[in-house]
PDB file of N, CA and C in Angstrom:
ATOM      1  N   MET A   1       2.535  -0.808  17.491  1.00  0.00           N
ATOM      2  CA  MET A   1       2.638  -0.219  16.240  1.00  0.00           C
ATOM      3  C   MET A   1       1.643   0.919  16.222  1.00  0.00           C
ATOM      4  N   GLN A   2       1.973   1.968  15.433  1.00  0.00           N
ATOM      5  CA  GLN A   2       0.884   3.029  15.109  1.00  0.00           C
ATOM      6  C   GLN A   2       0.709   3.362  13.620  1.00  0.00           C
ATOM      7  N   LEU A   3      -0.450   3.428  13.627  1.00  0.00           N
ATOM      8  CA  LEU A   3      -1.057   3.733  12.235  1.00  0.00           C
ATOM      9  C   LEU A   3      -0.678   5.144  11.719  1.00  0.00           C
ATOM     10  N   ILE A   4      -0.088   5.363  10.656  1.00  0.00           N
ATOM     11  CA  ILE A   4       0.591   6.711  10.218  1.00  0.00           C
ATOM     12  C   ILE A   4      -0.542   7.314   9.239  1.00  0.00           C
ATOM     13  N   SER A   5      -0.851   6.415   7.943  1.00  0.00           N
ATOM     14  CA  SER A   5      -1.438   6.831   7.042  1.00  0.00           C
ATOM     15  C   SER A   5      -2.172   5.659   6.259  1.00  0.00           C
ATOM     16  N   THR A   6      -3.200   5.667   5.725  1.00  0.00           N
ATOM     17  CA  THR A   6      -4.177   4.810   5.060  1.00  0.00           C
ATOM     18  C   THR A   6      -4.729   5.430   3.670  1.00  0.00           C
ATOM     19  N   ARG A   7      -4.677   4.738   2.654  1.00  0.00           N
ATOM     20  CA  ARG A   7      -5.299   4.956   1.429  1.00  0.00           C
ATOM     21  C   ARG A   7      -6.019   4.058   0.623  1.00  0.00           C
ATOM     22  N   LYS A   8      -7.254   4.226   0.021  1.00  0.00           N
ATOM     23  CA  LYS A   8      -7.876   3.375  -0.719  1.00  0.00           C
ATOM     24  C   LYS A   8      -7.716   3.988  -2.042  1.00  0.00           C
ATOM     25  N   TYR A   9      -7.703   2.888  -3.189  1.00  0.00           N
ATOM     26  CA  TYR A   9      -7.676   3.514  -4.526  1.00  0.00           C
ATOM     27  C   TYR A   9      -7.831   2.345  -5.490  1.00  0.00           C
ATOM     28  N   SER A  10      -8.666   2.758  -6.687  1.00  0.00           N
ATOM     29  CA  SER A  10      -9.070   1.802  -7.670  1.00  0.00           C
ATOM     30  C   SER A  10      -8.115   1.387  -8.600  1.00  0.00           C
ATOM     31  N   PHE A  11      -8.326   0.364  -9.178  1.00  0.00           N
ATOM     32  CA  PHE A  11      -7.462  -0.169 -10.283  1.00  0.00           C
ATOM     33  C   PHE A  11      -8.045  -1.155 -11.265  1.00  0.00           C
ATOM     34  N   ILE A  12      -7.729  -1.406 -12.420  1.00  0.00           N
ATOM     35  CA  ILE A  12      -8.393  -2.319 -13.405  1.00  0.00           C
ATOM     36  C   ILE A  12      -7.563  -3.703 -13.238  1.00  0.00           C
ATOM     37  N   ALA A  13      -8.324  -4.790 -12.954  1.00  0.00           N
ATOM     38  CA  ALA A  13      -7.678  -6.013 -12.622  1.00  0.00           C
ATOM     39  C   ALA A  13      -7.322  -6.580 -14.172  1.00  0.00           C
ATOM     40  N   VAL A  14      -6.047  -7.204 -14.132  1.00  0.00           N
ATOM     41  CA  VAL A  14      -5.437  -7.399 -15.741  1.00  0.00           C
ATOM     42  C   VAL A  14      -6.484  -8.423 -16.220  1.00  0.00           C
ATOM     43  N   GLU A  15      -6.650  -9.495 -15.411  1.00  0.00           N
ATOM     44  CA  GLU A  15      -7.320 -10.831 -15.952  1.00  0.00           C
ATOM     45  C   GLU A  15      -8.953 -10.594 -16.351  1.00  0.00           C
ATOM     46  N   SER A  16      -9.508  -9.910 -15.363  1.00  0.00           N
ATOM     47  CA  SER A  16     -11.152  -9.777 -15.499  1.00  0.00           C
ATOM     48  C   SER A  16     -11.404  -8.296 -16.228  1.00  0.00           C
ATOM     49  N   LEU A  17     -10.364  -7.345 -16.313  1.00  0.00           N
ATOM     50  CA  LEU A  17     -10.699  -6.127 -16.761  1.00  0.00           C
ATOM     51  C   LEU A  17     -11.844  -5.359 -15.827  1.00  0.00           C
ATOM     52  N   ALA A  18     -12.030  -5.767 -14.613  1.00  0.00           N
ATOM     53  CA  ALA A  18     -13.057  -5.267 -13.740  1.00  0.00           C
ATOM     54  C   ALA A  18     -12.397  -4.076 -12.799  1.00  0.00           C
ATOM     55  N   GLU A  19     -12.971  -3.179 -12.555  1.00  0.00           N
ATOM     56  CA  GLU A  19     -12.644  -2.303 -11.527  1.00  0.00           C
ATOM     57  C   GLU A  19     -12.564  -2.790 -10.095  1.00  0.00           C
ATOM     58  N   CYS A  20     -11.402  -2.951  -9.436  1.00  0.00           N
ATOM     59  CA  CYS A  20     -11.380  -3.411  -8.182  1.00  0.00           C
ATOM     60  C   CYS A  20     -10.816  -2.240  -6.927  1.00  0.00           C
ATOM     61  N   GLN A  21     -10.898  -2.664  -5.914  1.00  0.00           N
ATOM     62  CA  GLN A  21     -10.310  -1.545  -4.896  1.00  0.00           C
ATOM     63  C   GLN A  21      -8.918  -2.218  -4.161  1.00  0.00           C
ATOM     64  N   ALA A  22      -8.141  -1.639  -3.634  1.00  0.00           N
ATOM     65  CA  ALA A  22      -6.981  -1.722  -3.053  1.00  0.00           C
ATOM     66  C   ALA A  22      -6.797  -0.825  -1.971  1.00  0.00           C
ATOM     67  N   CYS A  23      -5.893  -1.325  -0.846  1.00  0.00           N
ATOM     68  CA  CYS A  23      -6.078  -0.485   0.307  1.00  0.00           C
ATOM     69  C   CYS A  23      -4.287  -0.687   0.817  1.00  0.00           C
ATOM     70  N   GLY A  24      -3.902   0.428   1.187  1.00  0.00           N
ATOM     71  CA  GLY A  24      -2.449   0.544   1.670  1.00  0.00           C
ATOM     72  C   GLY A  24      -2.514   1.286   3.014  1.00  0.00           C
ATOM     73  N   SER A  25      -1.949   0.626   4.144  1.00  0.00           N
ATOM     74  CA  SER A  25      -1.866   1.370   5.341  1.00  0.00           C
ATOM     75  C   SER A  25      -0.315   1.058   5.770  1.00  0.00           C
ATOM     76  N   LEU A  26       0.024   2.361   6.238  1.00  0.00           N
ATOM     77  CA  LEU A  26       1.593   2.526   6.690  1.00  0.00           C
ATOM     78  C   LEU A  26       1.499   2.577   8.105  1.00  0.00           C
ATOM     79  N   PHE A  27       2.441   1.903   8.868  1.00  0.00           N
ATOM     80  CA  PHE A  27       2.369   1.591  10.171  1.00  0.00           C
ATOM     81  C   PHE A  27       4.020   1.894  10.799  1.00  0.00           C
ATOM     82  N   ARG A  28       3.955   2.445  11.825  1.00  0.00           N
ATOM     83  CA  ARG A  28       5.347   2.993  12.278  1.00  0.00           C
ATOM     84  C   ARG A  28       5.465   1.727  13.558  1.00  0.00           C
ATOM     85  N   GLY A  29       6.823   1.013  13.447  1.00  0.00           N
ATOM     86  CA  GLY A  29       7.085   0.155  14.551  1.00  0.00           C
ATOM     87  C   GLY A  29       8.051   1.007  15.481  1.00  0.00           C
ATOM     88  N   ALA A  30       9.437   0.750  15.291  1.00  0.00           N
ATOM     89  CA  ALA A  30      10.312   1.425  16.041  1.00  0.00           C
ATOM     90  C   ALA A  30      10.694   2.578  15.285  1.00  0.00           C
ATOM     91  N   GLU A  31      11.916   3.118  15.891  1.00  0.00           N
ATOM     92  CA  GLU A  31      12.561   4.581  15.215  1.00  0.00           C
ATOM     93  C   GLU A  31      13.152   3.903  13.852  1.00  0.00           C
ATOM     94  N   ASN A  32      12.854   4.864  12.824  1.00  0.00           N
ATOM     95  CA  ASN A  32      13.250   4.456  11.389  1.00  0.00           C
ATOM     96  C   ASN A  32      12.681   3.094  10.976  1.00  0.00           C
ATOM     97  N   GLU A  33      11.630   2.424  11.449  1.00  0.00           N
ATOM     98  CA  GLU A  33      11.100   1.229  11.029  1.00  0.00           C
ATOM     99  C   GLU A  33       9.510   1.439  10.613  1.00  0.00           C
ATOM    100  N   PHE A  34       9.279   1.177   9.518  1.00  0.00           N
ATOM    101  CA  PHE A  34       7.817   1.275   9.005  1.00  0.00           C
ATOM    102  C   PHE A  34       7.554  -0.038   8.295  1.00  0.00           C
ATOM    103  N   VAL A  35       6.033  -0.307   8.323  1.00  0.00           N
ATOM    104  CA  VAL A  35       5.639  -1.515   7.666  1.00  0.00           C
ATOM    105  C   VAL A  35       4.301  -0.968   6.961  1.00  0.00           C
ATOM    106  N   LEU A  36       4.437  -1.474   5.778  1.00  0.00           N
ATOM    107  CA  LEU A  36       3.207  -1.136   4.510  1.00  0.00           C
ATOM    108  C   LEU A  36       2.588  -2.370   4.359  1.00  0.00           C
ATOM    109  N   HIS A  37       1.348  -2.308   4.978  1.00  0.00           N
ATOM    110  CA  HIS A  37       0.482  -3.495   4.561  1.00  0.00           C
ATOM    111  C   HIS A  37      -0.485  -3.144   3.416  1.00  0.00           C
ATOM    112  N   MET A  38      -0.557  -3.776   2.439  1.00  0.00           N
ATOM    113  CA  MET A  38      -1.387  -3.777   1.115  1.00  0.00           C
ATOM    114  C   MET A  38      -2.107  -5.083   0.849  1.00  0.00           C
ATOM    115  N   HIS A  39      -3.302  -4.823   0.623  1.00  0.00           N
ATOM    116  CA  HIS A  39      -4.122  -5.794   0.166  1.00  0.00           C
ATOM    117  C   HIS A  39      -5.069  -5.315  -1.000  1.00  0.00           C
ATOM    118  N   SER A  40      -5.917  -6.327  -1.769  1.00  0.00           N
ATOM    119  CA  SER A  40      -6.831  -5.740  -2.697  1.00  0.00           C
ATOM    120  C   SER A  40      -8.085  -6.695  -2.552  1.00  0.00           C
ATOM    121  N   ASP A  41      -9.164  -6.165  -3.053  1.00  0.00           N
ATOM    122  CA  ASP A  41     -10.331  -7.136  -3.148  1.00  0.00           C
ATOM    123  C   ASP A  41     -10.526  -8.089  -4.298  1.00  0.00           C
ATOM    124  N   GLU A  42      -9.471  -7.987  -5.349  1.00  0.00           N
ATOM    125  CA  GLU A  42      -9.407  -8.865  -6.301  1.00  0.00           C
ATOM    126  C   GLU A  42      -8.916  -9.973  -5.816  1.00  0.00           C
ATOM    127  N   ALA A  43      -8.123 -10.351  -5.084  1.00  0.00           N
ATOM    128  CA  ALA A  43      -7.224 -11.594  -4.459  1.00  0.00           C
ATOM    129  C   ALA A  43      -7.489 -11.469  -3.082  1.00  0.00           C
ATOM    130  N   ALA A  44      -8.394 -11.978  -2.318  1.00  0.00           N
ATOM    131  CA  ALA A  44      -8.820 -11.876  -0.973  1.00  0.00           C
ATOM    132  C   ALA A  44      -7.723 -12.454  -0.486  1.00  0.00           C
ATOM    133  N   ASP A  45      -7.124 -13.417  -0.820  1.00  0.00           N
ATOM    134  CA  ASP A  45      -6.145 -14.268  -0.029  1.00  0.00           C
ATOM    135  C   ASP A  45      -4.559 -13.715  -0.241  1.00  0.00           C
ATOM    136  N   GLU A  46      -4.444 -12.583  -1.052  1.00  0.00           N
ATOM    137  CA  GLU A  46      -3.100 -12.219  -1.216  1.00  0.00           C
ATOM    138  C   GLU A  46      -3.131 -10.712  -0.359  1.00  0.00           C
ATOM    139  N   GLU A  47      -1.952 -10.700   0.590  1.00  0.00           N
ATOM    140  CA  GLU A  47      -1.684  -9.536   1.147  1.00  0.00           C
ATOM    141  C   GLU A  47      -0.276  -9.412   1.252  1.00  0.00           C
ATOM    142  N   ARG A  48       0.251  -8.156   1.454  1.00  0.00           N
ATOM    143  CA  ARG A  48       1.892  -8.043   1.495  1.00  0.00           C
ATOM    144  C   ARG A  48       2.149  -7.219   2.511  1.00  0.00           C
ATOM    145  N   LEU A  49       3.224  -7.292   3.212  1.00  0.00           N
ATOM    146  CA  LEU A  49       3.836  -6.647   4.373  1.00  0.00           C
ATOM    147  C   LEU A  49       5.102  -6.128   3.737  1.00  0.00           C
ATOM    148  N   ILE A  50       5.396  -5.006   3.737  1.00  0.00           N
ATOM    149  CA  ILE A  50       6.584  -4.469   3.146  1.00  0.00           C
ATOM    150  C   ILE A  50       7.384  -3.540   4.104  1.00  0.00           C
ATOM    151  N   TRP A  51       8.606  -3.958   4.421  1.00  0.00           N
ATOM    152  CA  TRP A  51       9.176  -3.161   5.620  1.00  0.00           C
ATOM    153  C   TRP A  51       9.878  -1.926   4.876  1.00  0.00           C
ATOM    154  N   LEU A  52       9.865  -0.686   5.418  1.00  0.00           N
ATOM    155  CA  LEU A  52      10.235   0.339   4.841  1.00  0.00           C
ATOM    156  C   LEU A  52      11.341   1.083   5.966  1.00  0.00           C
ATOM    157  N   ASP A  53      12.203   2.053   5.314  1.00  0.00           N
ATOM    158  CA  ASP A  53      12.947   2.811   6.294  1.00  0.00           C
ATOM    159  C   ASP A  53      12.050   4.385   6.112  1.00  0.00           C
ATOM    160  N   SER A  54      12.740   5.239   6.975  1.00  0.00           N
ATOM    161  CA  SER A  54      12.119   6.725   6.901  1.00  0.00           C
ATOM    162  C   SER A  54      11.929   7.141   5.509  1.00  0.00           C
ATOM    163  N   ARG A  55      12.866   7.149   4.603  1.00  0.00           N
ATOM    164  CA  ARG A  55      12.949   7.835   3.358  1.00  0.00           C
ATOM    165  C   ARG A  55      11.814   7.114   2.591  1.00  0.00           C
ATOM    166  N   ALA A  56      11.821   5.787   2.684  1.00  0.00           N
ATOM    167  CA  ALA A  56      10.827   4.997   1.664  1.00  0.00           C
ATOM    168  C   ALA A  56       9.526   5.430   2.109  1.00  0.00           C
ATOM    169  N   ALA A  57       9.237   5.616   3.526  1.00  0.00           N
ATOM    170  CA  ALA A  57       8.030   5.622   4.033  1.00  0.00           C
ATOM    171  C   ALA A  57       7.402   7.154   3.678  1.00  0.00           C
ATOM    172  N   LEU A  58       8.302   8.169   3.730  1.00  0.00           N
ATOM    173  CA  LEU A  58       8.218   9.469   3.098  1.00  0.00           C
ATOM    174  C   LEU A  58       7.779   9.606   1.744  1.00  0.00           C
ATOM    175  N   LEU A  59       8.278   8.863   0.938  1.00  0.00           N
ATOM    176  CA  LEU A  59       8.177   8.743  -0.474  1.00  0.00           C
ATOM    177  C   LEU A  59       6.788   8.134  -0.869  1.00  0.00           C
ATOM    178  N   TRP A  60       6.194   6.959  -0.030  1.00  0.00           N
ATOM    179  CA  TRP A  60       5.052   6.543   0.072  1.00  0.00           C
ATOM    180  C   TRP A  60       4.025   7.385   0.357  1.00  0.00           C
ATOM    181  N   ILE A  61       4.073   8.209   1.311  1.00  0.00           N
ATOM    182  CA  ILE A  61       3.275   9.280   2.004  1.00  0.00           C
ATOM    183  C   ILE A  61       2.884  10.266   0.804  1.00  0.00           C
ATOM    184  N   ASN A  62       4.113  10.592   0.113  1.00  0.00           N
ATOM    185  CA  ASN A  62       4.082  11.653  -0.891  1.00  0.00           C
ATOM    186  C   ASN A  62       3.526  11.289  -2.255  1.00  0.00           C
ATOM    187  N   GLN A  63       3.277  10.046  -2.574  1.00  0.00           N
ATOM    188  CA  GLN A  63       2.866   9.594  -3.796  1.00  0.00           C
ATOM    189  C   GLN A  63       1.794  10.419  -4.368  1.00  0.00           C
ATOM    190  N   THR A  64       1.824  10.686  -5.554  1.00  0.00           N
ATOM    191  CA  THR A  64       0.643  11.110  -6.311  1.00  0.00           C
ATOM    192  C   THR A  64      -0.428  10.097  -6.788  1.00  0.00           C
ATOM    193  N   ARG A  65      -1.528  10.594  -7.014  1.00  0.00           N
ATOM    194  CA  ARG A  65      -2.664   9.527  -7.287  1.00  0.00           C
ATOM    195  C   ARG A  65      -2.394   8.676  -8.316  1.00  0.00           C
ATOM    196  N   ASP A  66      -1.374   9.058  -9.263  1.00  0.00           N
ATOM    197  CA  ASP A  66      -1.178   8.088 -10.334  1.00  0.00           C
ATOM    198  C   ASP A  66      -0.231   7.079 -10.027  1.00  0.00           C
ATOM    199  N   GLU A  67       0.620   7.199  -8.876  1.00  0.00           N
ATOM    200  CA  GLU A  67       1.588   6.318  -8.169  1.00  0.00           C
ATOM    201  C   GLU A  67       1.024   5.403  -7.303  1.00  0.00           C
ATOM    202  N   TYR A  68      -0.130   5.603  -6.764  1.00  0.00           N
ATOM    203  CA  TYR A  68      -0.692   4.671  -5.801  1.00  0.00           C
ATOM    204  C   TYR A  68      -0.639   3.228  -6.440  1.00  0.00           C
ATOM    205  N   GLY A  69      -0.132   2.273  -5.520  1.00  0.00           N
ATOM    206  CA  GLY A  69      -0.084   1.100  -5.766  1.00  0.00           C
ATOM    207  C   GLY A  69       1.095   0.452  -6.569  1.00  0.00           C
ATOM    208  N   MET A  70       2.093   1.440  -6.613  1.00  0.00           N
ATOM    209  CA  MET A  70       3.303   1.007  -7.229  1.00  0.00           C
ATOM    210  C   MET A  70       4.199   0.187  -6.453  1.00  0.00           C
ATOM    211  N   ASN A  71       3.975   0.268  -5.062  1.00  0.00           N
ATOM    212  CA  ASN A  71       4.838  -0.810  -4.213  1.00  0.00           C
ATOM    213  C   ASN A  71       4.299  -2.280  -4.367  1.00  0.00           C
ATOM    214  N   TRP A  72       3.246  -2.636  -4.947  1.00  0.00           N
ATOM    215  CA  TRP A  72       2.611  -3.934  -5.338  1.00  0.00           C
ATOM    216  C   TRP A  72       3.604  -4.762  -6.198  1.00  0.00           C
ATOM    217  N   GLU A  73       4.322  -4.091  -6.994  1.00  0.00           N
ATOM    218  CA  GLU A  73       5.043  -4.735  -8.076  1.00  0.00           C
ATOM    219  C   GLU A  73       6.003  -5.657  -7.244  1.00  0.00           C
TER     220      GLU A  73
END
């Protein structure tokens, strides 16, 4: 796997209303196969792996700052 892009961003936790940090890293596996790894410091035990195709990976790379973290839902 090859690391393509990573980003860190702040968000406000719903329950505590505290500012937290999250990180998303995009990895390329095989041709037209990408993995998005997401985790936050709010819930240390919660991480997500999301499989993406080329189109979805490009959309993730080109997100604006207001859209960061939208894949968490």
